């Protein structure tokens, strides 16, 4: 990559006007997010650039003159240069590339090119997103130079840099949310660029979600002003940029960028009725990013059969994204639509939860899904899916399932659940045992039988006393159920099976369990 940069410096000196124009055009494509893909493939860099259609680029890192673009240019074109800028920006700053390029350019008597004269950091046009993003980029370069250590970069980005952008954003209510939305997207991109294996992944995700929250908030702020015709150009430009940002995003941060895409389509672009044209732009692209975008647009158009067809096609890969659509339907009380989505997606989501690597994560997702289904059950008066989900998600759903069975007085199933989990009678909540004793004593028989056998099995004096105490409690339950004859048979079996345990036999005599 450094070799290619050196070749650029020497072959396309910025002292020539045409090279400055070339760079200016490439910078504009890059900053507007028109570079969809830019990745290394052996000794080449491959890219795709949106510019009146898709332009496919191949940059040869060894023999630079063999680089080519589908636009047909016979020398370096803006699409090739924009692709290189995008790839360079993944590990370095664009400012560093341009500084080296300027240094390698012979100085002329006429002085520096107007393109590279120092930008006014206190000025931008609120009629131009490109102007705002140039301003943000310049502010970011200044911020990076001002921090004492790269270790403070991410903290400062959220607590110093972005708050400063808030102060500098346009004051006009119609455009301010849009400019802050793009500032948040810019910060997200910088955070993702900074990620490497030395940083905790969850820490990066938490920072990204702060900016996603800002995007959601600003998108809501744009809900009403999005219909204003004076914002038409800015919104169309924004639509292109956000789409390209999503399509160009790679793992592990596709989810965070997709959330941003969802929020702007929920509240901003939907107001302009651009969904059909957006779907046409995505047509033919089978990447996960494009499929997610299509699904959300179909979801917003209430074309649930088409959306769920894509969900089923991707199944497990789609599971993390399904929660948001289910939550949206639950929040809007769209009972029929939610029912349709649950029938298809519930098996996918439950399988995904079971495959999560940690108990904590499984429990977290289970709790989230069951809360959603609880609201659904209360709203529709149908709890079949809620019950099915609780059964499917055991043991992570134990708390909810145990509570449900007890509250609905399904005491025998409640006892079965405790036995399945391997819980002992002594560890269960006393008030629940008392309640079941009153309502359905027979349900508790298995718990007492097992507790008695476990106590006898410990074979010491205190455990034998515990066993006889449990036998007394169990005897009273048999009496309540009018099963005295069954009780006699049971106690005789106990005596016969423990006749060699003299200490226990003595405890039985003390307890007056004599039925000879």
Protein backbone atom coordinates (compact mmCIF):
# COMPACT_ATOMS: atom_id res chain seq x y z
CA UNK A 1 0.00 0.00 0.00
CA UNK A 2 2.87 2.39 0.82
CA UNK A 3 4.42 1.50 -2.53
CA UNK A 4 1.21 2.43 -4.34
CA UNK A 5 1.07 5.72 -2.41
CA UNK A 6 4.65 6.51 -3.48
CA UNK A 7 3.75 5.74 -7.10
CA UNK A 8 0.79 8.13 -6.82
CA UNK A 9 3.05 10.87 -5.45
CA UNK A 10 5.57 10.51 -8.26
CA UNK A 11 3.21 9.83 -11.19
CA UNK A 12 0.43 12.26 -10.36
CA UNK A 13 2.10 15.32 -8.76
CA UNK A 14 -0.32 17.78 -7.25
CA UNK A 15 1.48 20.66 -8.94
CA UNK A 16 -0.63 19.76 -11.99
CA UNK A 17 -4.19 21.04 -12.08
CA UNK A 18 -5.65 17.84 -13.58
CA UNK A 19 -4.25 15.76 -10.67
CA UNK A 20 -5.72 18.15 -8.13
CA UNK A 21 -9.10 17.86 -9.86
CA UNK A 22 -8.71 14.07 -9.87
CA UNK A 23 -8.04 14.00 -6.14
CA UNK A 24 -10.87 16.40 -5.42
CA UNK A 25 -13.36 14.18 -7.26
CA UNK A 26 -12.07 11.03 -5.55
CA UNK A 27 -12.30 12.69 -2.12
CA UNK A 28 -15.89 13.67 -2.81
CA UNK A 29 -16.83 10.08 -3.75
CA UNK A 30 -15.08 8.73 -0.68
CA UNK A 31 -16.56 11.25 1.77
CA UNK A 32 -20.07 10.77 0.42
CA UNK A 33 -19.77 7.04 1.13
CA UNK A 34 -19.91 6.05 -2.55
CA UNK A 35 -17.17 3.45 -2.17
CA UNK A 36 -19.21 0.35 -1.42
CA UNK A 37 -16.43 -2.22 -1.15
CA UNK A 38 -12.65 -1.86 -0.83
CA UNK A 39 -10.76 -4.94 0.28
CA UNK A 40 -7.43 -6.68 -0.26
CA UNK A 41 -7.36 -9.71 -2.54
CA UNK A 42 -3.84 -11.10 -2.74
CA UNK A 43 -1.65 -8.42 -4.31
CA UNK A 44 -4.66 -6.42 -5.48
CA UNK A 45 -7.28 -4.14 -3.98
CA UNK A 46 -10.79 -4.69 -5.28
CA UNK A 47 -13.54 -2.12 -4.96
CA UNK A 48 -16.98 -1.06 -6.11
CA UNK A 49 -17.92 2.61 -6.46
CA UNK A 50 -21.38 4.11 -6.95
CA UNK A 51 -21.16 6.85 -9.57
CA UNK A 52 -24.03 6.85 -12.09
CA UNK A 53 -24.16 3.10 -11.64
CA UNK A 54 -21.65 0.71 -10.12
CA UNK A 55 -17.99 1.02 -11.17
CA UNK A 56 -15.85 -2.04 -10.50
CA UNK A 57 -12.22 -1.31 -9.64
CA UNK A 58 -9.07 -3.42 -9.44
CA UNK A 59 -5.84 -1.85 -8.17
CA UNK A 60 -2.66 -3.85 -8.83
CA UNK A 61 -0.25 -3.24 -5.94
CA UNK A 62 2.75 -4.71 -7.81
CA UNK A 63 2.32 -3.36 -11.35
CA UNK A 64 0.38 -0.17 -10.75
CA UNK A 65 -0.19 0.56 -14.45
CA UNK A 66 -2.29 -2.63 -14.71
CA UNK A 67 -4.95 -1.14 -12.43
CA UNK A 68 -8.28 -0.80 -14.17
CA UNK A 69 -11.88 0.37 -13.78
CA UNK A 70 -15.10 -0.60 -15.54
CA UNK A 71 -15.65 3.08 -16.42
CA UNK A 72 -13.12 2.46 -19.24
CA UNK A 73 -10.50 5.07 -18.24
CA UNK A 74 -7.04 4.27 -19.64
CA UNK A 75 -5.25 5.89 -16.68
CA UNK A 76 -5.92 6.51 -13.00
CA UNK A 77 -9.56 7.61 -12.60
CA UNK A 78 -11.53 9.03 -9.68
CA UNK A 79 -13.07 5.59 -8.99
CA UNK A 80 -9.66 3.93 -8.64
CA UNK A 81 -8.37 6.73 -6.45
CA UNK A 82 -11.55 6.78 -4.30
CA UNK A 83 -11.16 2.99 -3.78
CA UNK A 84 -7.55 3.47 -2.68
CA UNK A 85 -8.56 6.28 -0.31
CA UNK A 86 -11.21 4.03 1.23
CA UNK A 87 -8.74 1.17 1.73
CA UNK A 88 -6.07 3.52 3.09
CA UNK A 89 -8.55 5.01 5.59
CA UNK A 90 -9.09 1.58 7.18
CA UNK A 91 -5.67 1.78 8.86
CA UNK A 92 -4.48 5.38 8.39
CA UNK A 93 -5.86 8.89 8.06
CA UNK A 94 -6.54 10.50 4.69
CA UNK A 95 -4.76 13.60 5.98
CA UNK A 96 -1.51 11.63 6.35
CA UNK A 97 -1.69 10.46 2.72
CA UNK A 98 -2.35 13.95 1.39
CA UNK A 99 0.42 15.47 3.52
CA UNK A 100 2.95 13.01 2.03
CA UNK A 101 1.59 13.69 -1.42
CA UNK A 102 1.99 17.42 -0.96
CA UNK A 103 5.51 17.00 0.40
CA UNK A 104 6.49 14.94 -2.64
CA UNK A 105 5.12 17.62 -5.00
CA UNK A 106 7.69 20.19 -6.21
CA UNK A 107 6.83 23.71 -5.01
CA UNK A 108 6.10 26.28 -7.69
CA UNK A 109 6.41 30.03 -7.60
CA UNK A 110 2.68 30.35 -7.70
CA UNK A 111 2.42 28.81 -4.20
CA UNK A 112 0.19 26.02 -2.92
CA UNK A 113 -2.88 24.87 -4.79
CA UNK A 114 -6.18 26.36 -3.60
CA UNK A 115 -7.32 22.75 -3.00
CA UNK A 116 -4.78 22.39 -0.20
CA UNK A 117 -4.98 25.78 1.35
CA UNK A 118 -5.87 25.42 5.01
CA UNK A 119 -9.59 25.06 5.40
CA UNK A 120 -11.50 27.43 7.54
CA UNK A 121 -12.35 25.37 10.58
CA UNK A 122 -15.10 27.75 11.64
CA UNK A 123 -17.02 27.68 8.38
CA UNK A 124 -19.26 25.35 6.38
CA UNK A 125 -22.43 25.66 4.36
CA UNK A 126 -25.60 24.36 5.99
CA UNK A 127 -26.92 23.70 2.50
CA UNK A 128 -24.20 21.13 1.82
CA UNK A 129 -23.55 17.86 3.59
CA UNK A 130 -20.19 17.55 1.81
CA UNK A 131 -19.19 20.90 3.30
CA UNK A 132 -20.27 19.77 6.77
CA UNK A 133 -18.41 16.45 6.47
CA UNK A 134 -15.25 18.25 5.30
CA UNK A 135 -15.61 20.46 8.36
CA UNK A 136 -16.15 17.43 10.64
CA UNK A 137 -13.17 15.62 9.10
CA UNK A 138 -10.94 18.64 9.65
CA UNK A 139 -12.15 19.01 13.24
CA UNK A 140 -11.41 15.32 13.74
CA UNK A 141 -7.85 15.71 12.42
CA UNK A 142 -7.34 18.59 14.84
CA UNK A 143 -8.79 16.53 17.70
CA UNK A 144 -6.47 13.59 16.98
CA UNK A 145 -3.43 15.87 16.97
CA UNK A 146 -4.50 17.41 20.28
CA UNK A 147 -4.87 14.23 22.35
CA UNK A 148 -1.86 13.27 24.49
CA UNK A 149 -2.20 9.52 23.86
CA UNK A 150 -4.08 7.22 21.50
CA UNK A 151 -5.41 5.47 24.61
CA UNK A 152 -7.65 8.47 25.27
CA UNK A 153 -8.91 8.63 21.68
CA UNK A 154 -12.21 6.74 22.02
CA UNK A 155 -13.16 8.28 25.36
CA UNK A 156 -12.47 11.74 23.99
CA UNK A 157 -14.42 11.01 20.81
CA UNK A 158 -17.64 10.54 22.81
CA UNK A 159 -17.02 13.01 25.66
CA UNK A 160 -15.14 15.82 23.92
CA UNK A 161 -15.18 15.63 20.12
CA UNK A 162 -18.88 14.89 19.51
CA UNK A 163 -20.13 17.38 22.16
CA UNK A 164 -18.04 20.01 20.35
CA UNK A 165 -19.74 19.11 17.05
CA UNK A 166 -23.10 19.58 18.76
CA UNK A 167 -22.11 23.13 19.61
CA UNK A 168 -20.89 23.80 16.05
CA UNK A 169 -23.84 22.20 14.20
CA UNK A 170 -26.38 24.40 12.37
CA UNK A 171 -28.93 26.15 14.57
CA UNK A 172 -31.76 25.87 12.04
CA UNK A 173 -34.24 23.33 13.41
CA UNK A 174 -34.92 21.84 9.95
CA UNK A 175 -31.33 20.81 9.21
CA UNK A 176 -29.64 20.51 12.61
CA UNK A 177 -30.82 16.91 13.30
CA UNK A 178 -29.64 15.79 9.85
CA UNK A 179 -26.17 17.27 10.33
CA UNK A 180 -25.83 15.72 13.79
CA UNK A 181 -27.02 12.40 12.38
CA UNK A 182 -24.18 12.50 9.85
CA UNK A 183 -21.70 13.56 12.52
CA UNK A 184 -22.74 10.46 14.49
CA UNK A 185 -22.26 8.25 11.43
CA UNK A 186 -18.81 9.79 10.93
CA UNK A 187 -17.90 9.00 14.55
CA UNK A 188 -19.17 5.44 14.16
CA UNK A 189 -16.89 4.95 11.18
CA UNK A 190 -13.90 6.30 13.08
CA UNK A 191 -14.65 4.02 16.06
CA UNK A 192 -14.88 0.98 13.80
CA UNK A 193 -11.62 1.91 12.05
CA UNK A 194 -9.86 2.11 15.41
CA UNK A 195 -10.88 -1.41 16.45
CA UNK A 196 -8.18 -4.06 16.70
CA UNK A 197 -7.69 -7.31 18.60
CA UNK A 198 -6.07 -5.51 21.54
CA UNK A 199 -9.37 -3.83 22.45
CA UNK A 200 -12.34 -5.49 24.16
CA UNK A 201 -14.99 -5.99 21.48
CA UNK A 202 -17.86 -5.19 23.86
CA UNK A 203 -16.25 -1.87 24.78
CA UNK A 204 -16.25 -0.84 21.10
CA UNK A 205 -19.85 -2.02 20.68
CA UNK A 206 -20.96 0.01 23.69
CA UNK A 207 -19.42 3.16 22.19
CA UNK A 208 -21.06 2.46 18.82
CA UNK A 209 -24.44 2.06 20.51
CA UNK A 210 -24.09 5.52 22.04
CA UNK A 211 -23.89 6.96 18.54
CA UNK A 212 -26.69 4.68 17.31
CA UNK A 213 -28.84 6.13 20.11
CA UNK A 214 -27.99 9.65 18.90
CA UNK A 215 -28.97 8.66 15.34
CA UNK A 216 -32.31 7.31 16.59
CA UNK A 217 -32.94 10.53 18.51
CA UNK A 218 -31.99 12.81 15.60
CA UNK A 219 -34.00 10.72 13.13
CA UNK A 220 -37.07 11.27 15.31
CA UNK A 221 -36.24 14.99 15.28
CA UNK A 222 -36.34 14.89 11.48
CA UNK A 223 -39.71 13.13 11.33
CA UNK A 224 -41.76 16.23 10.53
CA UNK A 225 -39.18 18.34 8.69
CA UNK A 226 -38.37 15.42 6.33
CA UNK A 227 -41.38 16.34 4.22
CA UNK A 228 -40.01 19.85 3.54
CA UNK A 229 -39.04 20.27 -0.11
CA UNK A 230 -36.02 22.39 0.79
CA UNK A 231 -34.44 19.29 2.32
CA UNK A 232 -34.99 17.15 -0.77
CA UNK A 233 -31.43 17.35 -2.07
CA UNK A 234 -29.86 16.81 1.36
CA UNK A 235 -32.10 13.82 2.06
CA UNK A 236 -31.40 12.17 -1.30
CA UNK A 237 -27.70 12.61 -0.70
CA UNK A 238 -28.08 11.21 2.81
CA UNK A 239 -29.99 8.20 1.52
CA UNK A 240 -27.14 7.32 -0.86
CA UNK A 241 -24.48 7.79 1.80
CA UNK A 242 -26.21 5.68 4.46
CA UNK A 243 -26.96 2.89 1.99
CA UNK A 244 -23.33 2.75 0.87
CA UNK A 245 -22.13 2.81 4.45
CA UNK A 246 -24.29 -0.26 5.22
CA UNK A 247 -23.40 -2.16 2.04
CA UNK A 248 -19.71 -1.51 2.56
CA UNK A 249 -19.70 -2.53 6.22
CA UNK A 250 -18.06 -5.79 7.23
CA UNK A 251 -18.32 -7.92 10.33
CA UNK A 252 -18.19 -7.62 13.26
CA UNK A 253 -20.12 -4.32 13.11
CA UNK A 254 -22.81 -4.93 10.47
CA UNK A 255 -25.46 -5.03 13.19
CA UNK A 256 -24.68 -1.56 14.56
CA UNK A 257 -24.67 0.07 11.11
CA UNK A 258 -27.89 -1.71 10.20
CA UNK A 259 -29.57 -0.34 13.33
CA UNK A 260 -28.63 3.16 12.14
CA UNK A 261 -30.08 2.33 8.70
CA UNK A 262 -33.30 1.12 10.33
CA UNK A 263 -33.78 4.25 12.39
CA UNK A 264 -33.36 6.68 9.49
CA UNK A 265 -35.78 4.69 7.36
CA UNK A 266 -38.30 4.45 10.20
CA UNK A 267 -38.56 8.20 10.67
CA UNK A 268 -36.86 10.10 7.83
CA UNK A 269 -36.82 8.55 4.36
CA UNK A 270 -40.15 6.78 4.77
CA UNK A 271 -41.73 10.24 4.88
CA UNK A 272 -40.58 10.82 1.30
CA UNK A 273 -41.98 7.49 0.08
CA UNK A 274 -38.60 6.39 -1.29
CA UNK A 275 -38.87 2.75 -0.28
CA UNK A 276 -39.68 1.39 -3.74
CA UNK A 277 -36.75 3.18 -5.35
CA UNK A 278 -34.44 2.05 -2.53
CA UNK A 279 -35.48 -1.56 -3.14
CA UNK A 280 -34.60 -1.12 -6.82
CA UNK A 281 -31.15 0.13 -5.82
CA UNK A 282 -30.67 -3.02 -3.73
CA UNK A 283 -31.98 -5.35 -6.40
CA UNK A 284 -29.55 -8.10 -7.33
CA UNK A 285 -27.33 -7.61 -4.28
CA UNK A 286 -27.41 -10.83 -2.22
CA UNK A 287 -25.05 -9.73 0.54
CA UNK A 288 -26.26 -9.98 4.14
CA UNK A 289 -26.24 -6.18 4.39
CA UNK A 290 -28.44 -5.76 1.31
CA UNK A 291 -30.80 -8.55 2.38
CA UNK A 292 -31.26 -6.91 5.78
CA UNK A 293 -32.03 -3.58 4.13
CA UNK A 294 -34.58 -5.21 1.79
CA UNK A 295 -36.24 -7.01 4.71
CA UNK A 296 -36.64 -3.80 6.67
CA UNK A 297 -38.08 -1.90 3.71
CA UNK A 298 -40.57 -4.72 3.06
CA UNK A 299 -41.39 -4.72 6.78
CA UNK A 300 -42.13 -0.98 6.65
CA UNK A 301 -44.36 -1.55 3.60
CA UNK A 302 -46.20 -4.30 5.56
CA UNK A 303 -45.21 -6.87 2.94
CA UNK A 304 -44.70 -9.48 5.64
CA UNK A 305 -44.79 -12.56 3.42
CA UNK A 306 -41.94 -11.19 1.26
CA UNK A 307 -39.97 -10.07 4.32
CA UNK A 308 -40.38 -13.42 6.09
CA UNK A 309 -39.33 -15.26 2.93
CA UNK A 310 -35.93 -13.57 3.32
CA UNK A 311 -35.90 -14.25 7.08
CA UNK A 312 -36.48 -17.98 6.48
CA UNK A 313 -33.80 -18.06 3.78
CA UNK A 314 -31.14 -16.74 6.17
CA UNK A 315 -32.61 -18.24 9.38
CA UNK A 316 -29.85 -18.45 12.02
CA UNK A 317 -27.80 -15.63 10.48
CA UNK A 318 -30.85 -13.36 10.74
CA UNK A 319 -31.83 -14.27 14.30
CA UNK A 320 -30.10 -11.33 16.08
CA UNK A 321 -31.93 -8.87 13.84
CA UNK A 322 -35.42 -10.36 14.27
CA UNK A 323 -35.81 -8.99 17.82
CA UNK A 324 -36.14 -5.41 16.57
CA UNK A 325 -38.92 -6.24 14.12
CA UNK A 326 -40.80 -8.23 16.75
CA UNK A 327 -40.40 -5.40 19.26
CA UNK A 328 -41.65 -2.84 16.74
CA UNK A 329 -44.80 -4.88 16.11
CA UNK A 330 -45.36 -5.40 19.84
CA UNK A 331 -44.95 -1.67 20.52
CA UNK A 332 -47.46 -0.78 17.80
CA UNK A 333 -49.88 -3.49 19.04
CA UNK A 334 -50.04 -4.98 15.52
CA UNK A 335 -51.43 -8.27 16.82
CA UNK A 336 -52.09 -10.03 13.52
CA UNK A 337 -48.72 -9.07 12.04
CA UNK A 338 -46.88 -10.04 15.22
CA UNK A 339 -48.63 -13.40 15.19
CA UNK A 340 -47.45 -13.97 11.60
CA UNK A 341 -43.87 -12.99 12.43
CA UNK A 342 -43.77 -15.11 15.58
CA UNK A 343 -44.96 -18.25 13.81
CA UNK A 344 -42.00 -18.01 11.43
CA UNK A 345 -39.30 -16.49 13.59
CA UNK A 346 -39.82 -18.01 17.05
CA UNK A 347 -38.08 -21.33 16.23
CA UNK A 348 -35.21 -19.38 14.63
CA UNK A 349 -34.78 -17.10 17.63
CA UNK A 350 -34.98 -19.87 20.25
CA UNK A 351 -32.38 -21.96 18.38
CA UNK A 352 -30.13 -18.91 18.21
CA UNK A 353 -30.42 -18.31 21.98
CA UNK A 354 -29.43 -21.92 22.72
CA UNK A 355 -26.33 -21.47 20.52
CA UNK A 356 -25.10 -18.36 22.33
CA UNK A 357 -21.75 -19.08 24.05
CA UNK A 358 -22.42 -17.91 27.62
CA UNK A 359 -25.19 -18.54 30.14
CA UNK A 360 -25.38 -14.82 30.86
CA UNK A 361 -26.05 -14.01 27.19
CA UNK A 362 -28.61 -16.81 26.88
CA UNK A 363 -30.42 -15.58 29.97
CA UNK A 364 -30.34 -11.97 28.76
CA UNK A 365 -31.88 -12.82 25.38
CA UNK A 366 -34.42 -15.18 26.95
CA UNK A 367 -35.57 -12.48 29.35
CA UNK A 368 -35.89 -9.98 26.48
CA UNK A 369 -37.90 -12.36 24.27
CA UNK A 370 -40.22 -13.52 27.05
CA UNK A 371 -40.93 -9.95 28.13
CA UNK A 372 -41.98 -9.22 24.56
CA UNK A 373 -44.14 -12.35 24.45
CA UNK A 374 -45.70 -11.55 27.85
CA UNK A 375 -46.92 -8.22 26.48
CA UNK A 376 -48.20 -10.01 23.38
CA UNK A 377 -50.07 -12.60 25.48
CA UNK A 378 -51.67 -9.93 27.65
CA UNK A 379 -52.74 -7.96 24.58
CA UNK A 380 -54.14 -10.88 22.58
CA UNK A 381 -55.34 -13.09 25.48
CA UNK A 382 -53.47 -15.95 23.76
CA UNK A 383 -50.52 -17.36 25.66
CA UNK A 384 -49.75 -20.47 23.57
CA UNK A 385 -46.60 -18.98 22.00
CA UNK A 386 -45.45 -17.62 25.35
CA UNK A 387 -45.77 -21.09 26.92
CA UNK A 388 -44.08 -22.77 23.96
CA UNK A 389 -41.18 -20.32 24.13
CA UNK A 390 -40.73 -20.91 27.87
CA UNK A 391 -40.61 -24.67 27.32
CA UNK A 392 -38.20 -24.35 24.39
CA UNK A 393 -35.87 -22.03 26.28
CA UNK A 394 -35.45 -24.11 29.45
CA UNK A 395 -33.39 -23.95 31.60
CA UNK A 396 -32.80 -20.25 30.79
CA UNK A 397 -36.52 -19.53 31.13
CA UNK A 398 -36.90 -21.29 34.50
CA UNK A 399 -37.75 -18.10 36.42
CA UNK A 400 -40.56 -17.08 34.07
CA UNK A 401 -41.89 -20.62 33.56
CA UNK A 402 -41.90 -21.40 37.30
CA UNK A 403 -43.74 -18.14 38.03
CA UNK A 404 -46.28 -18.80 35.24
CA UNK A 405 -47.10 -22.33 36.44
CA UNK A 406 -47.52 -21.22 40.05
CA UNK A 407 -49.61 -18.15 39.24
CA UNK A 408 -51.91 -20.15 36.95
CA UNK A 409 -52.26 -22.83 39.70
CA UNK A 410 -50.75 -25.57 37.53
CA UNK A 411 -49.20 -27.02 40.68
CA UNK A 412 -48.47 -30.51 39.42
CA UNK A 413 -46.56 -29.14 36.43
CA UNK A 414 -44.80 -26.76 38.83
CA UNK A 415 -43.61 -29.75 40.89
CA UNK A 416 -42.54 -31.59 37.72
CA UNK A 417 -40.45 -28.55 36.80
CA UNK A 418 -38.68 -28.57 40.19
CA UNK A 419 -37.94 -32.28 39.82
CA UNK A 420 -36.65 -31.77 36.26
CA UNK A 421 -34.35 -29.00 37.49
CA UNK A 422 -33.15 -31.20 40.34
CA UNK A 423 -34.23 -28.79 43.08
CA UNK A 424 -34.72 -30.08 46.62
CA UNK A 425 -37.79 -29.49 48.74
CA UNK A 426 -35.77 -27.60 51.36
CA UNK A 427 -34.61 -25.08 48.74
CA UNK A 428 -38.09 -24.12 47.52
CA UNK A 429 -39.99 -21.06 48.73
CA UNK A 430 -41.98 -21.88 51.88
CA UNK A 431 -45.02 -19.79 50.99
CA UNK A 432 -45.41 -21.67 47.71
CA UNK A 433 -45.24 -25.04 49.41
CA UNK A 434 -47.89 -23.88 51.93
CA UNK A 435 -50.14 -22.66 49.11
CA UNK A 436 -49.89 -25.98 47.28
CA UNK A 437 -50.55 -27.92 50.50
CA UNK A 438 -53.86 -26.10 50.79
CA UNK A 439 -54.90 -26.33 47.13
CA UNK A 440 -53.48 -29.64 45.87
CA UNK A 441 -51.59 -31.70 48.49
CA UNK A 442 -51.19 -34.66 46.13
CA UNK A 443 -48.97 -32.56 43.85
CA UNK A 444 -46.27 -32.44 46.55
CA UNK A 445 -45.99 -36.21 47.07
CA UNK A 446 -43.04 -36.69 44.65
CA UNK A 447 -41.05 -33.86 46.28
CA UNK A 448 -41.51 -35.36 49.76
CA UNK A 449 -40.75 -38.92 48.60
CA UNK A 450 -37.46 -37.83 47.06
CA UNK A 451 -36.53 -35.62 50.05
CA UNK A 452 -37.14 -38.53 52.44
CA UNK A 453 -35.01 -40.94 50.41
CA UNK A 454 -32.19 -38.38 50.19
CA UNK A 455 -32.26 -37.80 53.97
CA UNK A 456 -32.16 -41.56 54.70
CA UNK A 457 -29.36 -41.97 52.20
CA UNK A 458 -27.08 -39.62 54.17
CA UNK A 459 -27.00 -42.24 56.97
CA UNK A 460 -26.40 -40.13 60.04
CA UNK A 461 -28.48 -39.39 63.12
CA UNK A 462 -29.47 -35.82 62.16
CA UNK A 463 -30.53 -36.87 58.65
CA UNK A 464 -32.65 -39.70 60.11
CA UNK A 465 -34.42 -37.13 62.31
CA UNK A 466 -34.98 -34.97 59.26
CA UNK A 467 -36.44 -37.97 57.39
CA UNK A 468 -38.94 -38.73 60.17
CA UNK A 469 -39.92 -35.06 60.33
CA UNK A 470 -40.61 -35.16 56.58
CA UNK A 471 -42.56 -38.39 57.00
CA UNK A 472 -44.85 -36.68 59.51
CA UNK A 473 -45.50 -33.82 57.08
CA UNK A 474 -46.13 -36.29 54.25
CA UNK A 475 -48.47 -38.36 56.43
CA UNK A 476 -50.67 -35.31 56.99
CA UNK A 477 -50.89 -34.83 53.20
CA UNK A 478 -51.93 -38.45 52.70
CA UNK A 479 -54.65 -37.93 55.32
CA UNK A 480 -55.92 -34.83 53.51
CA UNK A 481 -56.17 -36.84 50.30
CA UNK A 482 -57.90 -39.72 52.19
CA UNK A 483 -55.17 -42.14 51.13
CA UNK A 484 -54.47 -43.75 54.53
CA UNK A 485 -54.33 -47.25 53.03
CA UNK A 486 -51.74 -46.12 50.47
CA UNK A 487 -49.78 -44.43 53.26
CA UNK A 488 -49.63 -47.65 55.30
CA UNK A 489 -48.29 -49.54 52.29
CA UNK A 490 -45.70 -46.80 51.68
CA UNK A 491 -44.43 -46.67 55.31
CA UNK A 492 -44.17 -50.46 55.44
CA UNK A 493 -42.01 -50.38 52.32
CA UNK A 494 -39.82 -47.73 53.99
CA UNK A 495 -39.45 -49.88 57.12
CA UNK A 496 -38.66 -53.00 55.12
CA UNK A 497 -36.10 -51.22 52.97
CA UNK A 498 -34.27 -49.73 55.97
CA UNK A 499 -34.46 -52.63 58.46
CA UNK A 500 -30.65 -52.80 58.68
CA UNK A 501 -30.46 -49.09 59.62
CA UNK A 502 -31.05 -49.50 63.36
CA UNK A 503 -30.70 -45.79 64.15
CA UNK A 504 -33.34 -44.94 61.58
CA UNK A 505 -35.63 -47.72 62.84
CA UNK A 506 -35.37 -46.20 66.32
CA UNK A 507 -36.36 -42.78 64.92
CA UNK A 508 -39.39 -44.41 63.27
CA UNK A 509 -40.44 -45.86 66.64
CA UNK A 510 -40.03 -42.48 68.31
CA UNK A 511 -42.19 -40.99 65.60
CA UNK A 512 -44.78 -43.73 66.16
CA UNK A 513 -44.58 -45.02 62.61
CA UNK A 514 -45.58 -48.54 63.70
CA UNK A 515 -48.00 -50.40 61.47
CA UNK A 516 -47.09 -54.03 62.23
